[in-house]
Protein backbone atom coordinates (compact mmCIF):
# COMPACT_ATOMS: atom_id res chain seq x y z
CA MET A 1 86.61 121.45 109.80
CA THR A 2 85.50 124.86 108.61
CA PRO A 3 85.46 125.60 104.87
CA ALA A 4 88.47 127.90 105.36
CA ALA A 5 90.37 125.18 107.23
CA ARG A 6 89.78 122.81 104.31
CA TYR A 7 91.43 125.30 101.98
CA GLY A 8 94.30 125.55 104.47
CA ALA A 9 94.79 121.79 104.35
CA ALA A 10 94.66 121.88 100.54
CA ILE A 11 97.46 124.45 100.52
CA GLU A 12 99.67 122.10 102.54
CA ILE A 13 98.94 119.16 100.24
CA ILE A 14 99.43 121.16 97.04
CA ASP A 15 102.86 122.30 98.23
CA GLN A 16 103.81 118.64 98.68
CA VAL A 17 102.59 117.83 95.17
CA LEU A 18 104.53 120.75 93.73
CA ALA A 19 107.61 119.37 95.49
CA GLY A 20 107.20 116.05 93.67
CA THR A 21 104.87 113.92 95.80
CA PRO A 22 102.09 112.23 93.77
CA ALA A 23 98.73 113.77 94.62
CA GLU A 24 97.11 110.53 95.78
CA LYS A 25 100.02 109.80 98.11
CA ALA A 26 99.99 113.34 99.52
CA LEU A 27 96.24 113.15 100.16
CA THR A 28 96.49 109.72 101.81
CA THR A 29 99.40 110.79 104.02
CA TRP A 30 97.54 113.90 105.16
CA ALA A 31 94.38 111.92 105.93
CA ARG A 32 96.27 109.34 108.00
CA ARG A 33 97.79 111.93 110.27
CA SER A 34 94.62 114.07 110.42
CA ARG A 35 92.15 111.74 112.11
CA PHE A 36 90.02 114.72 113.11
CA ALA A 37 88.96 115.17 109.47
CA GLY A 38 85.66 113.55 108.57
CA SER A 39 84.72 112.01 105.23
CA LYS A 40 83.13 115.25 104.00
CA ASP A 41 86.27 117.15 104.96
CA ARG A 42 88.50 114.72 103.07
CA ALA A 43 86.24 114.84 100.02
CA ALA A 44 86.20 118.65 99.96
CA ILE A 45 89.98 118.87 100.38
CA ARG A 46 90.49 116.37 97.59
CA ASP A 47 88.24 118.43 95.33
CA HIS A 48 90.23 121.59 96.08
CA VAL A 49 93.54 119.87 95.33
CA PHE A 50 92.38 118.42 92.03
CA ASP A 51 90.67 121.65 91.01
CA VAL A 52 94.05 123.36 91.38
CA LEU A 53 95.92 120.61 89.51
CA ARG A 54 93.50 120.86 86.59
CA ARG A 55 94.01 124.62 86.49
CA LYS A 56 97.57 124.91 87.72
CA ARG A 57 98.58 127.48 85.13
CA SER A 58 95.58 129.80 85.31
CA VAL A 59 95.18 129.76 89.10
CA GLY A 60 98.85 130.68 89.43
CA VAL A 61 98.22 133.75 87.29
CA TRP A 62 95.06 134.64 89.21
CA GLY A 63 96.88 134.18 92.53
CA GLY A 64 100.11 135.86 91.49
CA GLY A 65 102.46 132.98 92.32
CA SER A 66 103.38 129.32 92.03
CA THR A 67 102.95 128.11 95.63
CA GLY A 68 100.03 126.21 97.07
CA ARG A 69 98.90 129.36 98.86
CA ALA A 70 98.98 131.46 95.70
CA MET A 71 97.17 128.79 93.70
CA ILE A 72 94.39 128.42 96.25
CA LEU A 73 94.07 132.21 96.25
CA GLY A 74 93.79 132.09 92.46
CA LEU A 75 91.24 129.29 92.61
CA ILE A 76 88.88 131.06 94.99
CA ARG A 77 89.18 134.23 92.93
CA GLN A 78 88.16 132.22 89.86
CA GLN A 79 85.25 130.79 91.85
CA GLY A 80 84.07 134.26 92.86
CA ILE A 81 84.73 133.69 96.57
CA ASP A 82 85.81 136.62 98.73
CA PRO A 83 89.46 135.87 99.65
CA ALA A 84 88.97 137.50 103.08
CA SER A 85 86.44 134.79 103.96
CA VAL A 86 89.14 132.13 103.51
CA PHE A 87 92.41 133.90 104.36
CA SER A 88 91.37 135.12 107.80
CA GLY A 89 93.95 133.51 110.08
CA GLU A 90 91.16 132.41 112.40
CA GLY A 91 91.34 128.90 113.81
CA HIS A 92 92.94 126.68 111.18
CA ALA A 93 92.23 129.05 108.29
CA PRO A 94 95.16 130.33 106.21
CA GLU A 95 96.82 133.49 107.47
CA GLY A 96 95.40 136.77 106.24
CA LEU A 97 96.60 138.16 102.93
CA SER A 98 99.52 140.55 102.86
CA ALA A 99 99.23 143.85 101.04
CA ALA A 100 101.28 142.37 98.18
CA GLU A 101 99.00 139.32 97.90
CA GLN A 102 95.91 141.50 97.85
CA THR A 103 97.12 143.28 94.72
CA ALA A 104 98.97 140.41 93.07
CA GLY A 105 97.42 138.33 90.31
CA GLN A 106 95.19 139.00 87.35
CA PRO A 107 92.72 137.11 85.14
CA ALA A 108 94.44 134.54 82.96
CA GLU A 109 94.50 134.99 79.20
CA GLY A 110 95.65 133.07 76.15
CA ALA A 111 97.56 129.86 76.85
CA ASP A 112 97.37 130.52 80.59
CA ALA A 113 93.57 130.48 80.41
CA LEU A 114 93.60 127.21 78.46
CA ASP A 115 95.66 125.54 81.20
CA LEU A 116 97.81 123.70 78.69
CA PRO A 117 101.62 123.54 78.51
CA ASP A 118 103.06 125.79 75.80
CA TRP A 119 104.87 122.98 74.03
CA LEU A 120 101.64 120.99 73.68
CA LEU A 121 99.54 123.73 72.10
CA PRO A 122 100.72 123.02 68.52
CA GLU A 123 99.94 119.31 69.02
CA VAL A 124 96.46 120.10 70.32
CA LYS A 125 95.73 122.59 67.55
CA GLN A 126 96.97 120.22 64.86
CA SER A 127 94.73 117.45 66.22
CA LEU A 128 91.62 119.42 67.22
CA GLY A 129 91.68 122.61 65.17
CA ASP A 130 88.82 124.90 66.17
CA LYS A 131 87.92 122.57 69.06
CA THR A 132 91.16 123.44 70.89
CA GLU A 133 89.66 126.10 73.13
CA ALA A 134 86.68 123.92 74.08
CA TYR A 135 89.06 121.03 74.83
CA GLY A 136 91.20 123.16 77.13
CA GLU A 137 88.12 124.43 78.93
CA VAL A 138 86.56 121.02 79.53
CA LEU A 139 89.81 119.72 81.05
CA ARG A 140 89.59 122.45 83.68
CA HIS A 141 86.49 120.83 85.21
CA ARG A 142 85.72 117.54 86.92
CA ALA A 143 84.94 114.51 84.82
CA PRO A 144 81.46 112.99 84.98
CA VAL A 145 80.86 109.86 87.01
CA MET A 146 79.66 107.25 84.54
CA LEU A 147 78.19 103.79 85.02
CA ARG A 148 77.78 100.89 82.62
CA VAL A 149 74.59 98.90 83.06
CA ASN A 150 75.11 95.14 82.94
CA SER A 151 72.56 94.34 80.24
CA ARG A 152 72.80 90.64 81.06
CA LYS A 153 71.00 91.41 84.30
CA LEU A 154 68.76 94.46 83.71
CA ASP A 155 67.98 97.42 81.46
CA ARG A 156 68.90 101.06 82.01
CA ASN A 157 65.54 102.19 83.33
CA THR A 158 65.46 99.42 85.92
CA ALA A 159 69.03 100.27 86.90
CA ILE A 160 68.07 103.91 87.37
CA THR A 161 65.24 102.87 89.70
CA LYS A 162 67.42 100.53 91.75
CA LEU A 163 70.13 103.16 92.10
CA ALA A 164 67.56 105.78 93.15
CA ASP A 165 66.40 103.45 95.93
CA GLU A 166 69.95 103.73 97.32
CA GLY A 167 70.17 107.50 97.02
CA ILE A 168 72.07 107.53 93.71
CA VAL A 169 70.51 109.67 91.00
CA ALA A 170 71.51 108.71 87.45
CA VAL A 171 70.30 109.67 83.99
CA THR A 172 70.72 108.01 80.61
CA ALA A 173 73.59 109.17 78.41
CA ASP A 174 73.49 109.14 74.62
CA VAL A 175 77.14 108.13 74.23
CA ALA A 176 76.30 104.40 74.59
CA PRO A 177 73.12 102.35 75.15
CA THR A 178 74.51 101.00 78.43
CA ALA A 179 75.71 104.37 79.79
CA LEU A 180 74.39 106.27 82.80
CA ARG A 181 75.66 109.58 84.14
CA VAL A 182 75.48 109.97 87.90
CA VAL A 183 74.24 113.40 88.95
CA GLU A 184 73.84 112.83 92.69
CA GLY A 185 75.17 110.38 95.28
CA ALA A 186 78.32 109.31 93.41
CA ARG A 187 80.18 108.56 96.63
CA ARG A 188 77.58 105.91 97.51
CA ILE A 189 78.23 103.77 94.45
CA ASN A 190 80.98 101.48 95.77
CA ASN A 191 78.88 100.43 98.76
CA SER A 192 75.60 100.12 96.88
CA GLU A 193 73.83 96.82 96.33
CA ALA A 194 73.58 97.56 92.61
CA TYR A 195 77.36 97.77 92.36
CA ARG A 196 78.17 94.88 94.69
CA ASN A 197 75.73 92.61 92.84
CA GLY A 198 77.22 93.36 89.43
CA LEU A 199 74.23 95.27 88.08
CA VAL A 200 76.39 98.28 87.24
CA GLU A 201 80.10 98.96 86.80
CA LEU A 202 82.01 102.22 86.91
CA GLN A 203 83.11 102.86 83.33
CA ASP A 204 83.61 106.01 81.31
CA GLY A 205 81.01 106.72 78.65
CA ALA A 206 83.44 106.95 75.73
CA SER A 207 85.07 103.72 76.87
CA GLN A 208 81.64 102.09 76.62
CA ALA A 209 81.15 103.63 73.17
CA VAL A 210 84.42 102.04 72.03
CA VAL A 211 83.10 98.60 72.98
CA GLU A 212 79.77 99.31 71.26
CA ALA A 213 81.63 100.02 68.02
CA LEU A 214 83.49 96.70 68.00
CA PRO A 215 82.25 94.00 65.57
CA LEU A 216 81.47 91.45 68.30
CA ARG A 217 79.68 88.18 67.52
CA ASP A 218 78.72 85.12 69.50
CA GLY A 219 81.37 82.41 69.47
CA MET A 220 84.36 84.69 68.99
CA ARG A 221 87.69 84.28 70.74
CA ILE A 222 88.52 87.75 72.03
CA LEU A 223 91.67 89.13 73.66
CA ASP A 224 91.87 92.37 75.63
CA LEU A 225 95.61 92.84 75.18
CA CYS A 226 96.21 95.94 77.32
CA ALA A 227 93.39 95.24 79.73
CA GLY A 228 94.28 97.49 82.66
CA GLY A 229 91.65 96.69 85.26
CA GLY A 230 89.56 94.75 82.76
CA GLY A 231 86.66 97.15 82.29
CA LYS A 232 86.44 96.63 78.53
CA SER A 233 86.76 92.86 78.98
CA LEU A 234 83.69 92.95 81.21
CA ALA A 235 81.83 95.19 78.78
CA MET A 236 82.57 92.91 75.81
CA ALA A 237 81.60 89.81 77.78
CA GLY A 238 78.35 91.55 78.69
CA LYS A 239 77.40 91.90 75.02
CA VAL A 240 78.02 88.51 73.40
CA ASN A 241 78.74 84.89 74.27
CA GLY A 242 82.31 83.93 73.49
CA SER A 243 85.71 83.11 74.92
CA PHE A 244 87.29 86.14 76.58
CA TYR A 245 90.91 86.59 77.60
CA ALA A 246 92.53 89.51 79.40
CA TYR A 247 96.22 90.36 79.57
CA ASP A 248 98.18 93.29 80.93
CA ALA A 249 101.92 93.88 81.20
CA HIS A 250 101.27 94.74 84.86
CA PRO A 251 99.37 91.65 86.11
CA GLN A 252 98.48 93.24 89.46
CA ARG A 253 96.02 95.49 87.64
CA LEU A 254 93.92 92.43 86.88
CA ARG A 255 93.86 90.94 90.36
CA ASP A 256 90.21 91.94 90.97
CA LEU A 257 88.92 90.91 87.54
CA PRO A 258 87.95 87.31 88.38
CA ASP A 259 85.75 88.52 91.26
CA ARG A 260 84.24 91.29 89.16
CA ALA A 261 83.52 88.84 86.33
CA LYS A 262 81.84 86.42 88.73
CA ARG A 263 79.75 89.25 90.13
CA ALA A 264 78.75 90.26 86.60
CA GLY A 265 77.84 86.70 85.62
CA VAL A 266 80.50 86.29 82.91
CA LYS A 267 83.71 84.33 82.47
CA ILE A 268 87.04 85.95 81.59
CA THR A 269 90.37 84.13 81.56
CA VAL A 270 93.31 86.16 82.82
CA THR A 271 96.30 84.99 80.84
CA LYS A 272 100.01 85.52 81.39
CA SER A 273 100.83 84.56 77.79
CA PRO A 274 98.53 85.72 74.98
CA GLU A 275 100.74 83.90 72.49
CA ALA A 276 99.94 80.60 74.21
CA GLU A 277 96.20 81.23 73.78
CA ALA A 278 96.33 82.56 70.19
CA PRO A 279 94.87 82.82 67.63
CA PHE A 280 92.02 85.22 68.34
CA ASP A 281 89.18 86.48 66.17
CA LEU A 282 89.48 89.96 67.69
CA VAL A 283 92.30 91.62 69.59
CA LEU A 284 91.59 94.90 71.36
CA CYS A 285 94.67 96.88 72.31
CA ASP A 286 93.84 99.94 74.40
CA VAL A 287 97.46 100.99 74.41
CA PRO A 288 99.41 103.07 76.94
CA CYS A 289 99.16 106.70 75.87
CA SER A 290 99.43 110.30 77.00
CA GLY A 291 95.97 110.12 78.57
CA SER A 292 95.16 113.47 76.95
CA GLY A 293 91.51 112.49 76.74
CA SER A 294 91.26 111.77 80.45
CA TRP A 295 93.35 114.52 82.04
CA ARG A 296 90.31 115.70 83.97
CA ARG A 297 90.67 112.54 86.07
CA ALA A 298 94.47 112.51 86.21
CA PRO A 299 95.54 116.14 85.78
CA GLU A 300 99.13 115.53 86.87
CA GLY A 301 99.68 113.77 83.56
CA LYS A 302 99.02 116.98 81.66
CA TRP A 303 101.96 118.70 83.30
CA ALA A 304 104.28 115.67 83.45
CA LEU A 305 104.12 114.81 79.74
CA SER A 306 107.13 115.83 77.64
CA GLU A 307 108.11 115.56 74.01
CA GLU A 308 110.54 112.77 74.90
CA LYS A 309 107.88 110.84 76.80
CA LEU A 310 105.44 111.22 73.93
CA ARG A 311 107.97 109.86 71.46
CA GLY A 312 108.56 106.91 73.78
CA LEU A 313 104.82 106.24 73.92
CA ASN A 314 104.65 106.32 70.12
CA ARG A 315 107.35 103.66 69.91
CA LEU A 316 105.53 101.48 72.44
CA GLN A 317 102.23 101.92 70.59
CA ASP A 318 103.86 100.75 67.37
CA GLU A 319 105.31 97.71 69.11
CA ILE A 320 101.95 96.72 70.60
CA LEU A 321 100.19 97.03 67.26
CA GLU A 322 102.75 94.73 65.64
CA ARG A 323 102.44 92.23 68.48
CA ALA A 324 98.65 92.28 68.33
CA ALA A 325 98.71 91.49 64.61
CA THR A 326 100.64 88.27 65.26
CA LEU A 327 97.91 87.06 67.62
CA LEU A 328 95.09 87.20 65.10
CA ALA A 329 93.47 84.35 63.24
CA PRO A 330 93.29 84.78 59.43
CA GLY A 331 90.75 87.48 58.63
CA GLY A 332 90.69 88.59 62.25
CA THR A 333 89.98 92.07 63.58
CA LEU A 334 92.53 94.32 65.25
CA ALA A 335 91.03 97.14 67.33
CA TYR A 336 93.43 99.94 68.28
CA ALA A 337 92.29 102.32 71.03
CA THR A 338 93.74 105.13 73.10
CA CYS A 339 92.36 107.55 75.68
CA SER A 340 94.10 110.30 73.72
CA VAL A 341 92.88 112.95 71.29
CA PHE A 342 96.27 113.47 69.63
CA ASP A 343 96.54 112.45 65.97
CA ARG A 344 100.15 111.54 66.68
CA GLU A 345 99.00 108.69 68.94
CA ASN A 346 95.98 107.73 66.88
CA THR A 347 95.69 107.96 63.10
CA ALA A 348 99.43 108.50 62.66
CA ARG A 349 100.19 105.22 64.41
CA VAL A 350 97.55 103.37 62.41
CA ASP A 351 98.78 104.87 59.12
CA GLN A 352 102.31 103.72 59.88
CA PHE A 353 101.08 100.22 60.75
CA LEU A 354 99.03 99.98 57.55
CA ALA A 355 102.00 101.11 55.46
CA GLN A 356 104.05 98.26 56.89
CA ASN A 357 101.20 95.72 56.89
CA PRO A 358 99.32 96.11 53.59
CA ALA A 359 97.21 93.01 54.26
CA PHE A 360 95.24 95.10 56.78
CA ALA A 361 92.68 97.79 56.03
CA ALA A 362 91.00 100.36 58.28
CA THR A 363 87.22 99.87 58.32
CA PHE A 364 86.31 102.30 61.13
CA GLN A 365 87.97 105.30 62.78
CA LYS A 366 86.56 107.73 65.33
CA THR A 367 87.86 110.09 67.99
CA TRP A 368 85.64 111.11 70.89
CA ILE A 369 86.37 114.52 72.44
CA PRO A 370 86.02 114.93 76.26
CA GLY A 371 82.56 116.14 77.17
CA GLU A 372 79.53 115.77 79.38
CA ASP A 373 79.24 112.01 78.98
CA GLY A 374 82.81 110.83 78.76
CA ASP A 375 86.51 111.26 78.22
CA GLY A 376 88.43 111.61 74.98
CA PHE A 377 89.03 108.32 73.17
CA HIS A 378 90.10 107.03 69.78
CA LEU A 379 89.23 103.77 68.06
CA SER A 380 90.51 102.36 64.78
CA ILE A 381 89.23 98.98 63.60
CA LEU A 382 91.56 97.12 61.24
CA THR A 383 90.64 93.96 59.38
CA GLY A 384 93.23 91.48 58.16
CA ALA A 385 93.23 89.31 55.07
């Protein structure tokens, strides 16, 4: 496919997403019926689609409309590409621009340039203050590809060498002592020997930093209460010797964890009933949240969130904190984490919990802002009597 034809395909897919089809489903459906597209074509089209979704508000202003065609026009204008080189009508390229399209659109300003919904701006400003503009800007770009080095098997420098032998260029990241940022060859990771042999795992840098901050000790009984795919379970098991349990309300998310744990050389028990395995010395609950720290990776969430949904998440977060507290041994540690930067999901939830559970005290609190080496994350560590 030509570069212009890739933009044409992206227009088609974006229109489907705007009509309500999830982006991943729209991309998969297009790929299945477009067997002529090679892997590089599919990768480029995916990048175009997600670039638009991250910048849906500003590219609409730049392109003068709210259709896939207008948004792609806005995107290439932002990128400094001559629209005539894409909208030529030649082959499978998009049709040439009309006179109206040639004059429509303008540079985005204010809230449009931040690519944030109007209703969320007060929430962001209240939580981030003078970091609001930088936060909006970073969400407009792709997230870094981060790896966690399995320190049970090798150190970071050795991992860098082994990855380089397979055409994957990685550099150390300051966010965590196990973190690497991939700068070249990211699409080779899943098929690499280093990944298949459990030497490295895909894991966000801030997520690794959360695990580094936990008060882990040998011999502990540890529960990952909202485990998702089990990445933090693996990271914790890679640091100390103990008994590790993983639970998620959606068990299918954990179906690959036993194989990943075996590959990493650790043991993690997937449990269907945390209460049956309690008590635990440490319970980590990385609760469902807005995902406002990771919207670079899942930009649809930025536009789908509503005030009602956020209130519902707050209620669920409170419920999970209360449940986690019942699973602790006396004097145990409760770690509350989100991939959100909103105070309303972070310190506000912890403050409410502490007000209702005076036997607990907060001993550590930190919020990571999305950046070069990771997503946005929050961690509060609470210690019980």
